[in-house]
Amino acid sequence: MTMKESNEPVASRIREIIREKGFRHETIAKRSGLNKQQFSYLLNGRRTIKPCDIVAIAEALGVDVSKLFETGK
């Protein structure tokens, strides 16, 4: 399994929540303590999404961590 494949379920859900809430990627990156490039790398499978990233991104989005693992939306 590639890094992109392992990131994709969570990355896809992050992108979906960003769209639903009308946020900009840059805003969530900054709130998560990441720069725009690091955040892009996470969402595009060029960097592994670590547990600490998931917690920070969930907080930045204002959702519970479990929301990032929901499927079938």
N, C-alpha and C. Protein backbone atom coordinates (compact mmCIF):
# COMPACT_ATOMS: atom_id res chain seq x y z
N MET A 1 0.85 -1.18 0.00
CA MET A 1 0.00 0.00 0.00
C MET A 1 0.90 1.24 0.00
N THR A 2 0.60 2.15 -0.89
CA THR A 2 1.39 3.38 -0.97
C THR A 2 0.92 4.37 0.10
N MET A 3 1.73 5.39 0.32
CA MET A 3 1.38 6.43 1.28
C MET A 3 0.07 7.10 0.86
N LYS A 4 -0.06 7.36 -0.42
CA LYS A 4 -1.27 8.01 -0.92
C LYS A 4 -2.50 7.16 -0.62
N GLU A 5 -2.38 5.85 -0.86
CA GLU A 5 -3.52 4.96 -0.60
C GLU A 5 -3.87 4.90 0.88
N SER A 6 -2.86 4.92 1.74
CA SER A 6 -3.14 4.86 3.17
C SER A 6 -3.73 6.17 3.69
N ASN A 7 -3.34 7.29 3.11
CA ASN A 7 -3.88 8.60 3.51
C ASN A 7 -5.27 8.87 2.96
N GLU A 8 -5.59 8.30 1.82
CA GLU A 8 -6.76 8.72 1.05
C GLU A 8 -8.08 8.73 1.81
N PRO A 9 -8.44 7.71 2.58
CA PRO A 9 -9.75 7.79 3.25
C PRO A 9 -9.87 9.01 4.16
N VAL A 10 -8.85 9.27 4.95
CA VAL A 10 -8.90 10.42 5.86
C VAL A 10 -8.75 11.72 5.07
N ALA A 11 -7.84 11.76 4.12
CA ALA A 11 -7.63 12.96 3.31
C ALA A 11 -8.90 13.35 2.56
N SER A 12 -9.57 12.36 2.02
CA SER A 12 -10.82 12.61 1.30
C SER A 12 -11.87 13.20 2.21
N ARG A 13 -11.96 12.66 3.42
CA ARG A 13 -12.94 13.16 4.38
C ARG A 13 -12.58 14.58 4.83
N ILE A 14 -11.31 14.87 5.00
CA ILE A 14 -10.88 16.23 5.36
C ILE A 14 -11.30 17.20 4.26
N ARG A 15 -11.04 16.84 3.01
CA ARG A 15 -11.44 17.72 1.89
C ARG A 15 -12.95 17.93 1.88
N GLU A 16 -13.69 16.87 2.15
CA GLU A 16 -15.16 16.95 2.15
C GLU A 16 -15.65 17.90 3.25
N ILE A 17 -15.10 17.78 4.44
CA ILE A 17 -15.50 18.65 5.55
C ILE A 17 -15.12 20.10 5.26
N ILE A 18 -13.97 20.31 4.67
CA ILE A 18 -13.56 21.67 4.29
C ILE A 18 -14.58 22.27 3.33
N ARG A 19 -15.00 21.49 2.35
CA ARG A 19 -16.03 21.97 1.39
C ARG A 19 -17.35 22.26 2.10
N GLU A 20 -17.80 21.31 2.94
CA GLU A 20 -19.08 21.46 3.64
C GLU A 20 -19.12 22.72 4.49
N LYS A 21 -18.01 23.01 5.16
CA LYS A 21 -17.96 24.14 6.08
C LYS A 21 -17.52 25.44 5.41
N GLY A 22 -17.12 25.35 4.15
CA GLY A 22 -16.74 26.55 3.41
C GLY A 22 -15.39 27.13 3.81
N PHE A 23 -14.52 26.29 4.35
CA PHE A 23 -13.19 26.75 4.73
C PHE A 23 -12.26 26.77 3.53
N ARG A 24 -11.16 27.45 3.68
CA ARG A 24 -10.07 27.42 2.71
C ARG A 24 -9.01 26.49 3.26
N HIS A 25 -8.33 25.78 2.39
CA HIS A 25 -7.26 24.87 2.82
C HIS A 25 -6.21 25.61 3.64
N GLU A 26 -5.88 26.81 3.23
CA GLU A 26 -4.86 27.59 3.93
C GLU A 26 -5.26 27.88 5.37
N THR A 27 -6.54 28.13 5.59
CA THR A 27 -7.05 28.42 6.94
C THR A 27 -6.88 27.20 7.84
N ILE A 28 -7.26 26.05 7.34
CA ILE A 28 -7.15 24.83 8.14
C ILE A 28 -5.69 24.47 8.37
N ALA A 29 -4.87 24.66 7.37
CA ALA A 29 -3.43 24.39 7.53
C ALA A 29 -2.88 25.24 8.68
N LYS A 30 -3.16 26.53 8.64
CA LYS A 30 -2.64 27.44 9.66
C LYS A 30 -3.16 27.07 11.04
N ARG A 31 -4.45 26.80 11.15
CA ARG A 31 -5.05 26.43 12.43
C ARG A 31 -4.48 25.11 12.95
N SER A 32 -4.01 24.27 12.06
CA SER A 32 -3.46 22.96 12.42
C SER A 32 -1.98 23.03 12.78
N GLY A 33 -1.37 24.19 12.58
CA GLY A 33 0.04 24.34 12.85
C GLY A 33 0.93 23.87 11.72
N LEU A 34 0.34 23.78 10.53
CA LEU A 34 1.07 23.36 9.33
C LEU A 34 1.14 24.53 8.36
N ASN A 35 2.15 24.50 7.50
CA ASN A 35 2.12 25.49 6.43
C ASN A 35 1.32 24.92 5.26
N LYS A 36 1.04 25.75 4.29
CA LYS A 36 0.19 25.36 3.17
C LYS A 36 0.76 24.15 2.42
N GLN A 37 2.06 24.12 2.24
CA GLN A 37 2.70 23.03 1.51
C GLN A 37 2.61 21.71 2.29
N GLN A 38 2.87 21.75 3.58
CA GLN A 38 2.78 20.55 4.40
C GLN A 38 1.36 19.98 4.36
N PHE A 39 0.38 20.85 4.47
CA PHE A 39 -1.03 20.42 4.45
C PHE A 39 -1.36 19.81 3.09
N SER A 40 -0.91 20.43 2.03
CA SER A 40 -1.12 19.89 0.69
C SER A 40 -0.48 18.51 0.55
N TYR A 41 0.72 18.36 1.08
CA TYR A 41 1.41 17.06 1.02
C TYR A 41 0.61 15.99 1.75
N LEU A 42 0.01 16.34 2.88
CA LEU A 42 -0.82 15.37 3.61
C LEU A 42 -2.02 14.94 2.79
N LEU A 43 -2.69 15.92 2.20
CA LEU A 43 -3.91 15.61 1.45
C LEU A 43 -3.63 14.91 0.13
N ASN A 44 -2.43 15.06 -0.39
CA ASN A 44 -2.10 14.46 -1.68
C ASN A 44 -1.20 13.24 -1.58
N GLY A 45 -1.00 12.72 -0.36
CA GLY A 45 -0.26 11.49 -0.18
C GLY A 45 1.24 11.60 -0.32
N ARG A 46 1.79 12.78 -0.20
CA ARG A 46 3.24 12.96 -0.28
C ARG A 46 3.87 12.97 1.10
N ARG A 47 3.03 12.99 2.13
CA ARG A 47 3.48 12.93 3.52
C ARG A 47 2.44 12.13 4.30
N THR A 48 2.89 11.25 5.18
CA THR A 48 1.98 10.43 5.97
C THR A 48 1.21 11.29 6.96
N ILE A 49 -0.08 11.03 7.05
CA ILE A 49 -0.90 11.71 8.05
C ILE A 49 -0.71 10.96 9.36
N LYS A 50 -0.07 11.61 10.31
CA LYS A 50 0.21 11.00 11.61
C LYS A 50 -0.94 11.29 12.58
N PRO A 51 -1.03 10.50 13.64
CA PRO A 51 -2.09 10.74 14.63
C PRO A 51 -2.12 12.18 15.15
N CYS A 52 -0.96 12.77 15.38
CA CYS A 52 -0.95 14.15 15.88
C CYS A 52 -1.51 15.12 14.83
N ASP A 53 -1.30 14.81 13.54
CA ASP A 53 -1.87 15.64 12.47
C ASP A 53 -3.39 15.52 12.46
N ILE A 54 -3.88 14.30 12.65
CA ILE A 54 -5.32 14.06 12.63
C ILE A 54 -6.00 14.84 13.75
N VAL A 55 -5.42 14.80 14.95
CA VAL A 55 -5.99 15.54 16.08
C VAL A 55 -5.98 17.03 15.80
N ALA A 56 -4.88 17.57 15.33
CA ALA A 56 -4.77 19.01 15.05
C ALA A 56 -5.74 19.44 13.95
N ILE A 57 -5.88 18.64 12.91
CA ILE A 57 -6.78 18.98 11.81
C ILE A 57 -8.23 18.91 12.27
N ALA A 58 -8.58 17.90 13.04
CA ALA A 58 -9.95 17.80 13.55
C ALA A 58 -10.29 19.03 14.40
N GLU A 59 -9.37 19.44 15.25
CA GLU A 59 -9.60 20.63 16.07
C GLU A 59 -9.75 21.87 15.19
N ALA A 60 -8.91 21.99 14.17
CA ALA A 60 -8.98 23.13 13.26
C ALA A 60 -10.31 23.17 12.52
N LEU A 61 -10.84 21.99 12.21
CA LEU A 61 -12.12 21.90 11.50
C LEU A 61 -13.31 22.05 12.44
N GLY A 62 -13.06 21.93 13.74
CA GLY A 62 -14.14 22.01 14.72
C GLY A 62 -15.00 20.76 14.75
N VAL A 63 -14.38 19.60 14.51
CA VAL A 63 -15.11 18.33 14.51
C VAL A 63 -14.39 17.34 15.43
N ASP A 64 -15.11 16.32 15.83
CA ASP A 64 -14.51 15.22 16.59
C ASP A 64 -13.63 14.40 15.65
N VAL A 65 -12.57 13.86 16.19
CA VAL A 65 -11.64 13.05 15.39
C VAL A 65 -12.37 11.94 14.64
N SER A 66 -13.38 11.36 15.25
CA SER A 66 -14.12 10.26 14.61
C SER A 66 -14.74 10.67 13.28
N LYS A 67 -15.06 11.95 13.12
CA LYS A 67 -15.65 12.44 11.86
C LYS A 67 -14.69 12.26 10.68
N LEU A 68 -13.38 12.26 10.96
CA LEU A 68 -12.41 12.12 9.89
C LEU A 68 -12.30 10.68 9.39
N PHE A 69 -12.92 9.77 10.13
CA PHE A 69 -12.86 8.35 9.75
C PHE A 69 -14.19 7.82 9.23
N GLU A 70 -15.20 8.69 9.15
CA GLU A 70 -16.49 8.26 8.61
C GLU A 70 -16.37 7.96 7.13
N THR A 71 -17.06 6.93 6.71
CA THR A 71 -17.07 6.57 5.30
C THR A 71 -18.49 6.48 4.80
N GLY A 72 -18.63 6.35 3.50
CA GLY A 72 -19.95 6.19 2.91
C GLY A 72 -20.78 7.44 2.85
N LYS A 73 -20.13 8.57 2.83
CA LYS A 73 -20.86 9.86 2.74
C LYS A 73 -21.21 10.14 1.31
